[in-house]
Amino acid sequence: YKTPTCGYCKMAAKLYDMKGIEYKLVDVSEDPKLRQEVIEKSGAMTVPVTVKGDWEDFVVGWNPAKLLSLGTP
């Protein structure tokens, strides 16, 4: 989950691009209900929030090692 102005969101996408990992970007700035759902599930009011599967695992923020440990989000 991302916002258009988040630099770390762009860095996470670039990391996955460089590693050839497929991902889907979802902009939470356009949907208040979705934004609230992400806050409730992640416990964080920041982005990026990178989620594996159906919230099997997730990473909040910019942490390359943890992002790569998720495998394909």
N, C-alpha and C. Protein backbone atom coordinates (compact mmCIF):
# COMPACT_ATOMS: atom_id res chain seq x y z
N TYR A 1 0.85 -1.16 0.00
CA TYR A 1 0.00 0.00 0.00
C TYR A 1 0.90 1.23 0.00
N LYS A 2 0.50 2.24 -0.76
CA LYS A 2 1.35 3.40 -0.98
C LYS A 2 0.52 4.68 -1.05
N THR A 3 1.24 5.79 -1.10
CA THR A 3 0.65 7.07 -1.45
C THR A 3 1.52 7.67 -2.55
N PRO A 4 1.00 8.61 -3.32
CA PRO A 4 1.77 9.16 -4.45
C PRO A 4 3.01 9.95 -4.03
N THR A 5 3.02 10.49 -2.83
CA THR A 5 4.14 11.33 -2.41
C THR A 5 5.17 10.60 -1.57
N CYS A 6 5.00 9.31 -1.37
CA CYS A 6 5.88 8.53 -0.50
C CYS A 6 7.15 8.10 -1.24
N GLY A 7 8.28 8.63 -0.82
CA GLY A 7 9.56 8.26 -1.42
C GLY A 7 9.94 6.82 -1.13
N TYR A 8 9.64 6.35 0.08
CA TYR A 8 9.96 4.97 0.43
C TYR A 8 9.12 3.97 -0.36
N CYS A 9 7.91 4.37 -0.71
CA CYS A 9 7.06 3.51 -1.55
C CYS A 9 7.72 3.32 -2.91
N LYS A 10 8.24 4.40 -3.45
CA LYS A 10 8.92 4.33 -4.75
C LYS A 10 10.17 3.47 -4.66
N MET A 11 10.89 3.58 -3.53
CA MET A 11 12.10 2.78 -3.35
C MET A 11 11.76 1.29 -3.23
N ALA A 12 10.67 0.98 -2.54
CA ALA A 12 10.25 -0.43 -2.41
C ALA A 12 9.89 -1.00 -3.79
N ALA A 13 9.15 -0.23 -4.59
CA ALA A 13 8.79 -0.68 -5.93
C ALA A 13 10.04 -0.89 -6.78
N LYS A 14 10.99 0.04 -6.67
CA LYS A 14 12.24 -0.08 -7.45
C LYS A 14 13.02 -1.32 -7.01
N LEU A 15 13.06 -1.61 -5.71
CA LEU A 15 13.74 -2.80 -5.20
C LEU A 15 13.13 -4.05 -5.82
N TYR A 16 11.80 -4.15 -5.79
CA TYR A 16 11.14 -5.31 -6.37
C TYR A 16 11.37 -5.38 -7.89
N ASP A 17 11.36 -4.25 -8.56
CA ASP A 17 11.66 -4.23 -10.00
C ASP A 17 13.06 -4.78 -10.27
N MET A 18 14.03 -4.31 -9.49
CA MET A 18 15.42 -4.74 -9.68
C MET A 18 15.58 -6.24 -9.43
N LYS A 19 14.79 -6.80 -8.52
CA LYS A 19 14.89 -8.22 -8.19
C LYS A 19 13.95 -9.08 -9.04
N GLY A 20 13.15 -8.44 -9.90
CA GLY A 20 12.24 -9.19 -10.76
C GLY A 20 11.07 -9.80 -10.00
N ILE A 21 10.68 -9.16 -8.90
CA ILE A 21 9.59 -9.67 -8.07
C ILE A 21 8.30 -8.94 -8.47
N GLU A 22 7.26 -9.71 -8.76
CA GLU A 22 5.98 -9.11 -9.14
C GLU A 22 5.27 -8.56 -7.90
N TYR A 23 4.58 -7.46 -8.09
CA TYR A 23 3.86 -6.84 -6.99
C TYR A 23 2.71 -6.00 -7.55
N LYS A 24 1.82 -5.60 -6.68
CA LYS A 24 0.71 -4.74 -7.06
C LYS A 24 0.73 -3.53 -6.14
N LEU A 25 0.67 -2.34 -6.71
CA LEU A 25 0.61 -1.12 -5.91
C LEU A 25 -0.83 -0.70 -5.70
N VAL A 26 -1.17 -0.39 -4.48
CA VAL A 26 -2.52 0.08 -4.16
C VAL A 26 -2.38 1.42 -3.45
N ASP A 27 -2.98 2.45 -4.02
CA ASP A 27 -2.89 3.81 -3.48
C ASP A 27 -3.98 4.01 -2.43
N VAL A 28 -3.58 4.11 -1.17
CA VAL A 28 -4.56 4.28 -0.09
C VAL A 28 -5.03 5.72 0.05
N SER A 29 -4.40 6.64 -0.65
CA SER A 29 -4.82 8.05 -0.55
C SER A 29 -6.15 8.28 -1.26
N GLU A 30 -6.54 7.37 -2.12
CA GLU A 30 -7.76 7.53 -2.90
C GLU A 30 -8.98 6.86 -2.27
N ASP A 31 -8.78 6.11 -1.18
CA ASP A 31 -9.88 5.33 -0.60
C ASP A 31 -9.78 5.35 0.92
N PRO A 32 -10.54 6.24 1.59
CA PRO A 32 -10.46 6.34 3.05
C PRO A 32 -10.79 5.04 3.79
N LYS A 33 -11.75 4.26 3.28
CA LYS A 33 -12.09 2.99 3.93
C LYS A 33 -10.92 2.02 3.87
N LEU A 34 -10.28 1.93 2.70
CA LEU A 34 -9.13 1.05 2.53
C LEU A 34 -7.98 1.52 3.42
N ARG A 35 -7.75 2.82 3.46
CA ARG A 35 -6.69 3.37 4.31
C ARG A 35 -6.92 2.95 5.77
N GLN A 36 -8.15 3.06 6.25
CA GLN A 36 -8.48 2.69 7.62
C GLN A 36 -8.27 1.19 7.85
N GLU A 37 -8.64 0.39 6.87
CA GLU A 37 -8.44 -1.06 6.97
C GLU A 37 -6.96 -1.40 7.10
N VAL A 38 -6.12 -0.74 6.30
CA VAL A 38 -4.67 -0.99 6.36
C VAL A 38 -4.12 -0.56 7.71
N ILE A 39 -4.58 0.56 8.24
CA ILE A 39 -4.15 1.03 9.56
C ILE A 39 -4.52 0.00 10.62
N GLU A 40 -5.75 -0.49 10.57
CA GLU A 40 -6.20 -1.47 11.56
C GLU A 40 -5.43 -2.78 11.49
N LYS A 41 -5.16 -3.25 10.28
CA LYS A 41 -4.46 -4.54 10.12
C LYS A 41 -2.97 -4.43 10.42
N SER A 42 -2.35 -3.31 10.03
CA SER A 42 -0.90 -3.17 10.20
C SER A 42 -0.52 -2.54 11.53
N GLY A 43 -1.45 -1.78 12.12
CA GLY A 43 -1.14 -1.06 13.34
C GLY A 43 -0.31 0.18 13.10
N ALA A 44 -0.16 0.58 11.85
CA ALA A 44 0.67 1.73 11.50
C ALA A 44 -0.10 2.74 10.66
N MET A 45 0.26 4.00 10.84
CA MET A 45 -0.37 5.06 10.05
C MET A 45 0.61 5.60 9.01
N THR A 46 1.47 4.74 8.53
CA THR A 46 2.48 5.15 7.57
C THR A 46 2.51 4.17 6.41
N VAL A 47 3.12 4.57 5.34
CA VAL A 47 3.35 3.71 4.18
C VAL A 47 4.83 3.73 3.87
N PRO A 48 5.34 2.79 3.14
CA PRO A 48 4.63 1.67 2.55
C PRO A 48 4.27 0.60 3.57
N VAL A 49 3.20 -0.09 3.25
CA VAL A 49 2.84 -1.33 3.95
C VAL A 49 2.82 -2.39 2.85
N THR A 50 3.73 -3.33 2.96
CA THR A 50 3.87 -4.38 1.96
C THR A 50 3.31 -5.67 2.56
N VAL A 51 2.37 -6.26 1.86
CA VAL A 51 1.62 -7.40 2.39
C VAL A 51 1.85 -8.62 1.51
N LYS A 52 2.08 -9.75 2.17
CA LYS A 52 2.19 -11.02 1.44
C LYS A 52 0.84 -11.72 1.50
N GLY A 53 0.36 -12.11 0.33
CA GLY A 53 -0.90 -12.85 0.26
C GLY A 53 -2.05 -12.07 0.87
N ASP A 54 -2.84 -12.78 1.66
CA ASP A 54 -3.99 -12.17 2.32
C ASP A 54 -3.61 -11.85 3.77
N TRP A 55 -2.63 -10.97 3.92
CA TRP A 55 -2.11 -10.55 5.22
C TRP A 55 -1.46 -11.70 5.99
N GLU A 56 -0.87 -12.67 5.23
CA GLU A 56 -0.11 -13.75 5.88
C GLU A 56 1.06 -13.16 6.66
N ASP A 57 1.68 -12.18 6.06
CA ASP A 57 2.82 -11.48 6.65
C ASP A 57 2.86 -10.10 6.03
N PHE A 58 3.47 -9.14 6.71
CA PHE A 58 3.57 -7.80 6.16
C PHE A 58 4.76 -7.06 6.75
N VAL A 59 5.19 -6.03 6.04
CA VAL A 59 6.28 -5.16 6.46
C VAL A 59 5.79 -3.73 6.38
N VAL A 60 6.04 -2.97 7.44
CA VAL A 60 5.70 -1.55 7.45
C VAL A 60 6.99 -0.77 7.26
N GLY A 61 6.98 0.16 6.31
CA GLY A 61 8.13 1.03 6.10
C GLY A 61 9.15 0.47 5.13
N TRP A 62 10.28 1.14 5.10
CA TRP A 62 11.37 0.81 4.19
C TRP A 62 12.41 -0.02 4.93
N ASN A 63 12.42 -1.31 4.67
CA ASN A 63 13.38 -2.23 5.25
C ASN A 63 13.68 -3.27 4.18
N PRO A 64 14.72 -3.02 3.36
CA PRO A 64 14.98 -3.90 2.22
C PRO A 64 15.11 -5.38 2.58
N ALA A 65 15.79 -5.69 3.66
CA ALA A 65 15.96 -7.10 4.03
C ALA A 65 14.62 -7.76 4.33
N LYS A 66 13.78 -7.08 5.09
CA LYS A 66 12.46 -7.63 5.42
C LYS A 66 11.58 -7.70 4.18
N LEU A 67 11.66 -6.67 3.32
CA LEU A 67 10.85 -6.69 2.09
C LEU A 67 11.22 -7.89 1.24
N LEU A 68 12.51 -8.14 1.09
CA LEU A 68 12.94 -9.28 0.27
C LEU A 68 12.60 -10.61 0.94
N SER A 69 12.55 -10.64 2.28
CA SER A 69 12.22 -11.88 2.96
C SER A 69 10.77 -12.29 2.75
N LEU A 70 9.92 -11.35 2.35
CA LEU A 70 8.53 -11.69 2.06
C LEU A 70 8.40 -12.54 0.81
N GLY A 71 9.41 -12.47 -0.05
CA GLY A 71 9.29 -13.14 -1.34
C GLY A 71 8.36 -12.33 -2.22
N THR A 72 7.44 -12.98 -2.87
CA THR A 72 6.49 -12.27 -3.73
C THR A 72 5.31 -11.81 -2.89
N PRO A 73 5.12 -10.49 -2.79
CA PRO A 73 4.00 -9.99 -1.98
C PRO A 73 2.66 -10.34 -2.60
